[in-house]
Amino acid sequence: MFARIFRPAKTAMQSGKAKTANWVLEFEAEAARRIDPLMGWTSADETTAGQVRLSFASRDEAVAYAEKHGLAHRVEEGHERVMHPKAYSDNFAYQRRKPWTH
């Protein structure tokens, strides 16, 4: 089994950063998913891929868990969000670079 350790990104459906503080250990699928001929559902032969996600408070805890259990793993570093502070009054500033369009 191969494990992927990462920090989840903020989803596009929310403005907050919920569920982005913890590190996640997720198993990658060893075999391709197949379509059930009767129902048309997608299924896999293993339950670890896509169903088992372990959360850890830090990156080191997740790596230690993977090494303790002999799991081959890859750590993916996330990108930090860069905040550009803005004020509402900047929309009406005299030195505005682009003209007001409406």
C-alpha atoms as a PDB file:
ATOM      1  CA  MET A   1       0.000   0.000   0.000  1.00  0.00           C
ATOM      2  CA  PHE A   2       1.141   3.505  -0.784  1.00  0.00           C
ATOM      3  CA  ALA A   3       0.067   6.401   1.409  1.00  0.00           C
ATOM      4  CA  ARG A   4      -0.193  10.065   0.552  1.00  0.00           C
ATOM      5  CA  ILE A   5       0.275  12.625   3.343  1.00  0.00           C
ATOM      6  CA  PHE A   6      -1.032  16.109   2.642  1.00  0.00           C
ATOM      7  CA  ARG A   7      -2.738  19.120   4.112  1.00  0.00           C
ATOM      8  CA  PRO A   8      -6.181  19.624   2.523  1.00  0.00           C
ATOM      9  CA  ALA A   9      -6.835  22.860   0.688  1.00  0.00           C
ATOM     10  CA  LYS A  10      -9.756  25.173   1.284  1.00  0.00           C
ATOM     11  CA  THR A  11     -12.748  24.121  -0.763  1.00  0.00           C
ATOM     12  CA  ALA A  12     -14.240  26.497  -3.286  1.00  0.00           C
ATOM     13  CA  MET A  13     -17.654  26.261  -1.636  1.00  0.00           C
ATOM     14  CA  GLN A  14     -16.661  28.040   1.565  1.00  0.00           C
ATOM     15  CA  SER A  15     -14.980  31.264   2.497  1.00  0.00           C
ATOM     16  CA  GLY A  16     -13.410  29.966   5.722  1.00  0.00           C
ATOM     17  CA  LYS A  17     -10.536  27.595   6.241  1.00  0.00           C
ATOM     18  CA  ALA A  18     -12.399  24.772   7.978  1.00  0.00           C
ATOM     19  CA  LYS A  19     -10.770  21.317   7.945  1.00  0.00           C
ATOM     20  CA  THR A  20      -7.457  22.684   6.654  1.00  0.00           C
ATOM     21  CA  ALA A  21      -5.462  22.656   9.904  1.00  0.00           C
ATOM     22  CA  ASN A  22      -4.950  18.881  10.144  1.00  0.00           C
ATOM     23  CA  TRP A  23      -2.719  16.676   8.021  1.00  0.00           C
ATOM     24  CA  VAL A  24      -4.382  13.736   6.260  1.00  0.00           C
ATOM     25  CA  LEU A  25      -2.973  10.296   5.479  1.00  0.00           C
ATOM     26  CA  GLU A  26      -4.863   8.779   2.568  1.00  0.00           C
ATOM     27  CA  PHE A  27      -4.197   5.516   0.755  1.00  0.00           C
ATOM     28  CA  GLU A  28      -3.867   5.472  -3.018  1.00  0.00           C
ATOM     29  CA  ALA A  29      -5.685   2.852  -5.063  1.00  0.00           C
ATOM     30  CA  GLU A  30      -3.602  -0.106  -6.185  1.00  0.00           C
ATOM     31  CA  ALA A  31      -6.086  -1.235  -8.819  1.00  0.00           C
ATOM     32  CA  ALA A  32      -8.361   0.695 -11.133  1.00  0.00           C
ATOM     33  CA  ARG A  33     -12.028   1.067 -10.270  1.00  0.00           C
ATOM     34  CA  ARG A  34     -14.501  -0.918 -12.299  1.00  0.00           C
ATOM     35  CA  ILE A  35     -18.131  -0.413 -13.241  1.00  0.00           C
ATOM     36  CA  ASP A  36     -20.619  -2.923 -11.915  1.00  0.00           C
ATOM     37  CA  PRO A  37     -22.458  -4.378 -14.943  1.00  0.00           C
ATOM     38  CA  LEU A  38     -25.798  -4.753 -13.147  1.00  0.00           C
ATOM     39  CA  MET A  39     -26.174  -1.451 -11.291  1.00  0.00           C
ATOM     40  CA  GLY A  40     -23.653   0.744 -13.117  1.00  0.00           C
ATOM     41  CA  TRP A  41     -21.997   1.836  -9.887  1.00  0.00           C
ATOM     42  CA  THR A  42     -18.273   2.319  -9.648  1.00  0.00           C
ATOM     43  CA  SER A  43     -16.598  -0.072  -7.238  1.00  0.00           C
ATOM     44  CA  ALA A  44     -13.159  -1.167  -6.114  1.00  0.00           C
ATOM     45  CA  ASP A  45     -11.751  -4.390  -4.725  1.00  0.00           C
ATOM     46  CA  GLU A  46     -10.083  -2.694  -1.765  1.00  0.00           C
ATOM     47  CA  THR A  47     -11.606  -0.642   1.023  1.00  0.00           C
ATOM     48  CA  THR A  48      -8.536   1.396   1.917  1.00  0.00           C
ATOM     49  CA  ALA A  49      -8.501   3.508  -1.253  1.00  0.00           C
ATOM     50  CA  GLY A  50     -10.900   6.413  -0.966  1.00  0.00           C
ATOM     51  CA  GLN A  51     -12.595   5.227   2.198  1.00  0.00           C
ATOM     52  CA  VAL A  52      -9.890   5.371   4.848  1.00  0.00           C
ATOM     53  CA  ARG A  53      -8.595   8.840   5.733  1.00  0.00           C
ATOM     54  CA  LEU A  54      -6.643   9.379   8.919  1.00  0.00           C
ATOM     55  CA  SER A  55      -6.252  12.872  10.388  1.00  0.00           C
ATOM     56  CA  PHE A  56      -3.227  14.030  12.355  1.00  0.00           C
ATOM     57  CA  ALA A  57      -2.482  17.272  14.150  1.00  0.00           C
ATOM     58  CA  SER A  58       0.978  17.634  12.603  1.00  0.00           C
ATOM     59  CA  ARG A  59       3.008  16.458   9.635  1.00  0.00           C
ATOM     60  CA  ASP A  60       5.483  14.655  11.895  1.00  0.00           C
ATOM     61  CA  GLU A  61       2.729  12.571  13.505  1.00  0.00           C
ATOM     62  CA  ALA A  62       1.473  11.414  10.110  1.00  0.00           C
ATOM     63  CA  VAL A  63       4.973  10.487   8.923  1.00  0.00           C
ATOM     64  CA  ALA A  64       5.682   8.659  12.199  1.00  0.00           C
ATOM     65  CA  TYR A  65       2.458   6.659  11.818  1.00  0.00           C
ATOM     66  CA  ALA A  66       3.345   5.663   8.252  1.00  0.00           C
ATOM     67  CA  GLU A  67       6.861   4.612   9.239  1.00  0.00           C
ATOM     68  CA  LYS A  68       5.637   2.712  12.309  1.00  0.00           C
ATOM     69  CA  HIS A  69       3.263   0.639  10.191  1.00  0.00           C
ATOM     70  CA  GLY A  70       5.727   0.176   7.322  1.00  0.00           C
ATOM     71  CA  LEU A  71       3.754   2.168   4.764  1.00  0.00           C
ATOM     72  CA  ALA A  72       5.480   3.655   1.751  1.00  0.00           C
ATOM     73  CA  HIS A  73       4.462   7.297   1.756  1.00  0.00           C
ATOM     74  CA  ARG A  74       4.823  10.595  -0.050  1.00  0.00           C
ATOM     75  CA  VAL A  75       4.488  13.974   1.668  1.00  0.00           C
ATOM     76  CA  GLU A  76       2.891  16.740  -0.388  1.00  0.00           C
ATOM     77  CA  GLU A  77       3.517  20.218   0.916  1.00  0.00           C
ATOM     78  CA  GLY A  78       0.598  22.587   0.475  1.00  0.00           C
ATOM     79  CA  HIS A  79       0.694  26.165  -0.679  1.00  0.00           C
ATOM     80  CA  GLU A  80      -0.016  28.840   1.875  1.00  0.00           C
ATOM     81  CA  ARG A  81      -2.649  31.380   0.967  1.00  0.00           C
ATOM     82  CA  VAL A  82      -1.315  34.888   0.469  1.00  0.00           C
ATOM     83  CA  MET A  83      -3.616  37.582   1.779  1.00  0.00           C
ATOM     84  CA  HIS A  84      -3.600  41.020   0.174  1.00  0.00           C
ATOM     85  CA  PRO A  85      -5.233  43.456   2.595  1.00  0.00           C
ATOM     86  CA  LYS A  86      -7.737  45.698   0.872  1.00  0.00           C
ATOM     87  CA  ALA A  87     -10.169  48.335   1.989  1.00  0.00           C
ATOM     88  CA  TYR A  88     -13.560  49.167   0.518  1.00  0.00           C
ATOM     89  CA  SER A  89     -12.513  52.786   0.177  1.00  0.00           C
ATOM     90  CA  ASP A  90      -9.828  51.748  -2.350  1.00  0.00           C
ATOM     91  CA  ASN A  91     -12.617  51.335  -4.916  1.00  0.00           C
ATOM     92  CA  PHE A  92     -13.174  55.091  -4.852  1.00  0.00           C
ATOM     93  CA  ALA A  93      -9.566  56.297  -4.460  1.00  0.00           C
ATOM     94  CA  TYR A  94      -8.362  59.212  -6.571  1.00  0.00           C
ATOM     95  CA  GLN A  95      -5.202  57.370  -7.609  1.00  0.00           C
ATOM     96  CA  ARG A  96      -7.165  54.367  -8.854  1.00  0.00           C
ATOM     97  CA  ARG A  97      -5.272  52.625 -11.681  1.00  0.00           C
ATOM     98  CA  LYS A  98      -8.315  51.444 -13.614  1.00  0.00           C
ATOM     99  CA  PRO A  99     -11.304  53.693 -14.300  1.00  0.00           C
ATOM    100  CA  TRP A 100     -14.643  53.041 -12.695  1.00  0.00           C
ATOM    101  CA  THR A 101     -16.597  50.889 -15.142  1.00  0.00           C
ATOM    102  CA  HIS A 102     -20.226  51.172 -14.095  1.00  0.00           C
END
